[in-house]
Amino acid sequence: MSQVKENDTVKVHYTGKLKNGQVFDSSEGREPLEFTLGQGMLIPGFEKAVIDMKVNDKKTVDIPMTEAYGEVREELFHKVEKGQLPEEVKPEVGLGLVSRDAEGNEHQFRIAEVNEDHVIVDGNHPLAGQELTFDLEVVEIK
C-alpha cells in the first residue's frame, strides 16, 4: 500500500481544533479536502503531518504556531479613523473588513478595538499565534 509523499495529490478528512478543544474547521459532512503536497496551499505543519500516511490511516497531530499561521505580528495592527470606513459599516470588535491597495490587491482585516473616533484593525490571520490540533484521515492518494 502506498504512502503519501511529496507532490502527491491526496484527499483528507480533517477536524481542526484550538488548544481549548474548540473546533474552528472541519470537513465533516462535506467532501474531503483535496490538495497537492508541495504547492504551499496549506500550512506547513498540515502538509508535514500527512507525509507517510496511507489510505484509511488516522492520526491526531499538534501543529506549533510556527508551522501554522505564525506569531501575531504587531506591525499588522493599524489605526483607522472612523470617517475612513464606509458609511454602512457599524464598527464592532471581530467585524471583518476588506481593503484594496493601489495595485488592486485585497487585504483582509478584523476590527480588534473600537474607540470613539477610530478603530484598530488587525491584518493577522485569525489563527495567528495559535497552536492547532488536527484529526486527520487520508481517504485517497492519487
C-alpha atoms as a PDB file:
ATOM      1  CA  MET A   1       0.000   0.000   0.000  1.00  0.00           C
ATOM      2  CA  SER A   2       1.432   3.361  -0.969  1.00  0.00           C
ATOM      3  CA  GLN A   3       2.228   6.146   1.444  1.00  0.00           C
ATOM      4  CA  VAL A   4       1.741   9.883   0.922  1.00  0.00           C
ATOM      5  CA  LYS A   5       4.858  11.563  -0.423  1.00  0.00           C
ATOM      6  CA  GLU A   6       5.852  14.999  -1.685  1.00  0.00           C
ATOM      7  CA  ASN A   7       3.920  16.111  -4.822  1.00  0.00           C
ATOM      8  CA  ASP A   8       1.121  13.538  -4.316  1.00  0.00           C
ATOM      9  CA  THR A   9      -2.462  14.723  -4.618  1.00  0.00           C
ATOM     10  CA  VAL A  10      -4.458  13.490  -1.630  1.00  0.00           C
ATOM     11  CA  LYS A  11      -7.939  13.666  -0.177  1.00  0.00           C
ATOM     12  CA  VAL A  12      -8.069  14.121   3.578  1.00  0.00           C
ATOM     13  CA  HIS A  13     -10.885  14.407   6.091  1.00  0.00           C
ATOM     14  CA  TYR A  14      -9.900  16.683   8.953  1.00  0.00           C
ATOM     15  CA  THR A  15     -11.089  18.454  12.059  1.00  0.00           C
ATOM     16  CA  GLY A  16      -9.070  21.438  13.260  1.00  0.00           C
ATOM     17  CA  LYS A  17      -9.197  22.438  16.920  1.00  0.00           C
ATOM     18  CA  LEU A  18      -7.708  25.089  19.153  1.00  0.00           C
ATOM     19  CA  LYS A  19      -5.841  24.077  22.314  1.00  0.00           C
ATOM     20  CA  ASN A  20      -9.047  24.553  24.353  1.00  0.00           C
ATOM     21  CA  GLY A  21     -10.786  21.940  22.155  1.00  0.00           C
ATOM     22  CA  GLN A  22     -12.900  24.442  20.185  1.00  0.00           C
ATOM     23  CA  VAL A  23     -13.377  23.253  16.582  1.00  0.00           C
ATOM     24  CA  PHE A  24     -12.527  26.015  14.073  1.00  0.00           C
ATOM     25  CA  ASP A  25     -12.921  23.996  10.856  1.00  0.00           C
ATOM     26  CA  SER A  26     -13.887  20.515   9.740  1.00  0.00           C
ATOM     27  CA  SER A  27     -14.635  18.557   6.586  1.00  0.00           C
ATOM     28  CA  GLU A  28     -17.273  16.555   8.477  1.00  0.00           C
ATOM     29  CA  GLY A  29     -20.432  16.379   6.396  1.00  0.00           C
ATOM     30  CA  ARG A  30     -18.552  17.697   3.332  1.00  0.00           C
ATOM     31  CA  GLU A  31     -16.237  16.365   0.687  1.00  0.00           C
ATOM     32  CA  PRO A  32     -12.699  15.685   1.941  1.00  0.00           C
ATOM     33  CA  LEU A  33     -10.058  18.340   1.356  1.00  0.00           C
ATOM     34  CA  GLU A  34      -8.127  17.646  -1.859  1.00  0.00           C
ATOM     35  CA  PHE A  35      -4.681  19.159  -2.334  1.00  0.00           C
ATOM     36  CA  THR A  36      -1.271  18.515  -3.849  1.00  0.00           C
ATOM     37  CA  LEU A  37       1.625  18.456  -1.418  1.00  0.00           C
ATOM     38  CA  GLY A  38       4.460  20.883  -2.005  1.00  0.00           C
ATOM     39  CA  GLN A  39       2.387  23.649  -3.588  1.00  0.00           C
ATOM     40  CA  GLY A  40       2.194  25.721  -0.404  1.00  0.00           C
ATOM     41  CA  MET A  41      -1.606  25.786  -0.419  1.00  0.00           C
ATOM     42  CA  LEU A  42      -1.836  24.637   3.209  1.00  0.00           C
ATOM     43  CA  ILE A  43       0.028  25.446   6.386  1.00  0.00           C
ATOM     44  CA  PRO A  44       3.391  23.614   6.525  1.00  0.00           C
ATOM     45  CA  GLY A  45       2.513  21.580   9.630  1.00  0.00           C
ATOM     46  CA  PHE A  46      -0.603  20.139   7.974  1.00  0.00           C
ATOM     47  CA  GLU A  47       1.344  19.019   4.906  1.00  0.00           C
ATOM     48  CA  LYS A  48       4.132  17.531   7.052  1.00  0.00           C
ATOM     49  CA  ALA A  49       1.595  15.603   9.118  1.00  0.00           C
ATOM     50  CA  VAL A  50       0.141  13.859   6.050  1.00  0.00           C
ATOM     51  CA  ILE A  51       3.531  12.658   4.716  1.00  0.00           C
ATOM     52  CA  ASP A  52       3.940   8.863   5.075  1.00  0.00           C
ATOM     53  CA  MET A  53       0.264   8.268   5.924  1.00  0.00           C
ATOM     54  CA  LYS A  54      -1.591   5.533   3.999  1.00  0.00           C
ATOM     55  CA  VAL A  55      -5.205   5.400   2.823  1.00  0.00           C
ATOM     56  CA  ASN A  56      -7.526   4.951   5.843  1.00  0.00           C
ATOM     57  CA  ASP A  57      -4.759   5.984   8.283  1.00  0.00           C
ATOM     58  CA  LYS A  58      -5.996   8.278  11.045  1.00  0.00           C
ATOM     59  CA  LYS A  59      -3.955  10.395  13.413  1.00  0.00           C
ATOM     60  CA  THR A  60      -4.074  13.449  15.621  1.00  0.00           C
ATOM     61  CA  VAL A  61      -1.269  15.982  15.300  1.00  0.00           C
ATOM     62  CA  ASP A  62      -0.374  19.147  17.226  1.00  0.00           C
ATOM     63  CA  ILE A  63       0.968  21.906  14.997  1.00  0.00           C
ATOM     64  CA  PRO A  64       3.003  24.694  16.618  1.00  0.00           C
ATOM     65  CA  MET A  65       2.171  28.265  15.591  1.00  0.00           C
ATOM     66  CA  THR A  66       5.479  28.473  13.689  1.00  0.00           C
ATOM     67  CA  GLU A  67       4.212  25.724  11.326  1.00  0.00           C
ATOM     68  CA  ALA A  68       0.661  27.104  11.249  1.00  0.00           C
ATOM     69  CA  TYR A  69      -0.157  30.808  10.819  1.00  0.00           C
ATOM     70  CA  GLY A  70       2.848  32.194  12.678  1.00  0.00           C
ATOM     71  CA  GLU A  71       3.042  34.602  15.573  1.00  0.00           C
ATOM     72  CA  VAL A  72       0.840  37.656  15.933  1.00  0.00           C
ATOM     73  CA  ARG A  73       2.705  40.479  14.208  1.00  0.00           C
ATOM     74  CA  GLU A  74       2.233  43.904  15.802  1.00  0.00           C
ATOM     75  CA  GLU A  75       3.038  45.699  12.529  1.00  0.00           C
ATOM     76  CA  LEU A  76      -0.195  44.304  11.082  1.00  0.00           C
ATOM     77  CA  PHE A  77      -2.318  46.371  13.504  1.00  0.00           C
ATOM     78  CA  HIS A  78      -3.378  49.753  12.093  1.00  0.00           C
ATOM     79  CA  LYS A  79      -5.311  52.748  13.366  1.00  0.00           C
ATOM     80  CA  VAL A  80      -8.144  53.772  11.036  1.00  0.00           C
ATOM     81  CA  GLU A  81     -10.255  56.871  11.576  1.00  0.00           C
ATOM     82  CA  LYS A  82     -13.959  56.009  11.671  1.00  0.00           C
ATOM     83  CA  GLY A  83     -14.553  58.549   8.883  1.00  0.00           C
ATOM     84  CA  GLN A  84     -12.464  56.369   6.542  1.00  0.00           C
ATOM     85  CA  LEU A  85     -14.849  53.431   6.944  1.00  0.00           C
ATOM     86  CA  PRO A  86     -17.790  53.023   4.563  1.00  0.00           C
ATOM     87  CA  GLU A  87     -20.943  54.696   5.953  1.00  0.00           C
ATOM     88  CA  GLU A  88     -22.845  51.411   6.138  1.00  0.00           C
ATOM     89  CA  VAL A  89     -20.202  49.797   8.400  1.00  0.00           C
ATOM     90  CA  LYS A  90     -21.088  49.714  12.090  1.00  0.00           C
ATOM     91  CA  PRO A  91     -17.709  49.103  13.766  1.00  0.00           C
ATOM     92  CA  GLU A  92     -17.726  46.100  16.129  1.00  0.00           C
ATOM     93  CA  VAL A  93     -14.859  44.043  17.505  1.00  0.00           C
ATOM     94  CA  GLY A  94     -14.401  40.976  15.300  1.00  0.00           C
ATOM     95  CA  LEU A  95     -16.036  42.502  12.205  1.00  0.00           C
ATOM     96  CA  GLY A  96     -14.185  41.567   9.015  1.00  0.00           C
ATOM     97  CA  LEU A  97     -13.170  44.262   6.545  1.00  0.00           C
ATOM     98  CA  VAL A  98     -11.562  44.118   3.109  1.00  0.00           C
ATOM     99  CA  SER A  99      -9.290  46.824   1.731  1.00  0.00           C
ATOM    100  CA  ARG A 100      -7.653  47.200  -1.686  1.00  0.00           C
ATOM    101  CA  ASP A 101      -4.179  48.614  -2.151  1.00  0.00           C
ATOM    102  CA  ALA A 102      -3.045  50.786  -5.081  1.00  0.00           C
ATOM    103  CA  GLU A 103      -2.314  47.669  -7.181  1.00  0.00           C
ATOM    104  CA  GLY A 104      -5.833  46.316  -6.574  1.00  0.00           C
ATOM    105  CA  ASN A 105      -4.749  43.537  -4.189  1.00  0.00           C
ATOM    106  CA  GLU A 106      -7.257  42.650  -1.479  1.00  0.00           C
ATOM    107  CA  HIS A 107      -6.213  42.654   2.182  1.00  0.00           C
ATOM    108  CA  GLN A 108      -8.420  41.237   4.921  1.00  0.00           C
ATOM    109  CA  PHE A 109      -8.646  42.784   8.363  1.00  0.00           C
ATOM    110  CA  ARG A 110     -10.665  42.297  11.530  1.00  0.00           C
ATOM    111  CA  ILE A 111     -11.598  45.092  13.886  1.00  0.00           C
ATOM    112  CA  ALA A 112      -9.612  44.477  17.078  1.00  0.00           C
ATOM    113  CA  GLU A 113     -10.639  47.575  19.033  1.00  0.00           C
ATOM    114  CA  VAL A 114     -13.290  50.275  18.725  1.00  0.00           C
ATOM    115  CA  ASN A 115     -12.641  53.773  20.117  1.00  0.00           C
ATOM    116  CA  GLU A 116     -14.651  56.982  19.951  1.00  0.00           C
ATOM    117  CA  ASP A 117     -13.023  58.369  16.797  1.00  0.00           C
ATOM    118  CA  HIS A 118     -11.050  55.429  15.410  1.00  0.00           C
ATOM    119  CA  VAL A 119     -10.759  51.653  15.225  1.00  0.00           C
ATOM    120  CA  ILE A 120      -7.744  49.388  15.408  1.00  0.00           C
ATOM    121  CA  VAL A 121      -7.730  46.807  12.607  1.00  0.00           C
ATOM    122  CA  ASP A 122      -5.759  43.577  12.685  1.00  0.00           C
ATOM    123  CA  GLY A 123      -4.304  42.164   9.455  1.00  0.00           C
ATOM    124  CA  ASN A 124      -3.055  38.934  11.052  1.00  0.00           C
ATOM    125  CA  HIS A 125      -4.683  35.641  10.112  1.00  0.00           C
ATOM    126  CA  PRO A 126      -7.408  34.927  12.717  1.00  0.00           C
ATOM    127  CA  LEU A 127      -5.467  31.823  13.838  1.00  0.00           C
ATOM    128  CA  ALA A 128      -2.078  33.581  14.137  1.00  0.00           C
ATOM    129  CA  GLY A 129      -0.448  32.951  17.495  1.00  0.00           C
ATOM    130  CA  GLN A 130      -2.344  29.696  18.000  1.00  0.00           C
ATOM    131  CA  GLU A 131      -1.090  26.137  18.319  1.00  0.00           C
ATOM    132  CA  LEU A 132      -3.505  23.940  16.374  1.00  0.00           C
ATOM    133  CA  THR A 133      -4.586  20.303  16.650  1.00  0.00           C
ATOM    134  CA  PHE A 134      -5.844  18.343  13.661  1.00  0.00           C
ATOM    135  CA  ASP A 135      -7.548  14.970  13.497  1.00  0.00           C
ATOM    136  CA  LEU A 136      -6.619  13.603  10.064  1.00  0.00           C
ATOM    137  CA  GLU A 137      -7.771  10.705   7.898  1.00  0.00           C
ATOM    138  CA  VAL A 138      -6.326  10.036   4.445  1.00  0.00           C
ATOM    139  CA  VAL A 139      -9.111   8.803   2.162  1.00  0.00           C
ATOM    140  CA  GLU A 140      -7.342   8.796  -1.212  1.00  0.00           C
ATOM    141  CA  ILE A 141      -3.857   9.124  -2.721  1.00  0.00           C
ATOM    142  CA  LYS A 142      -3.705   9.962  -6.431  1.00  0.00           C
END
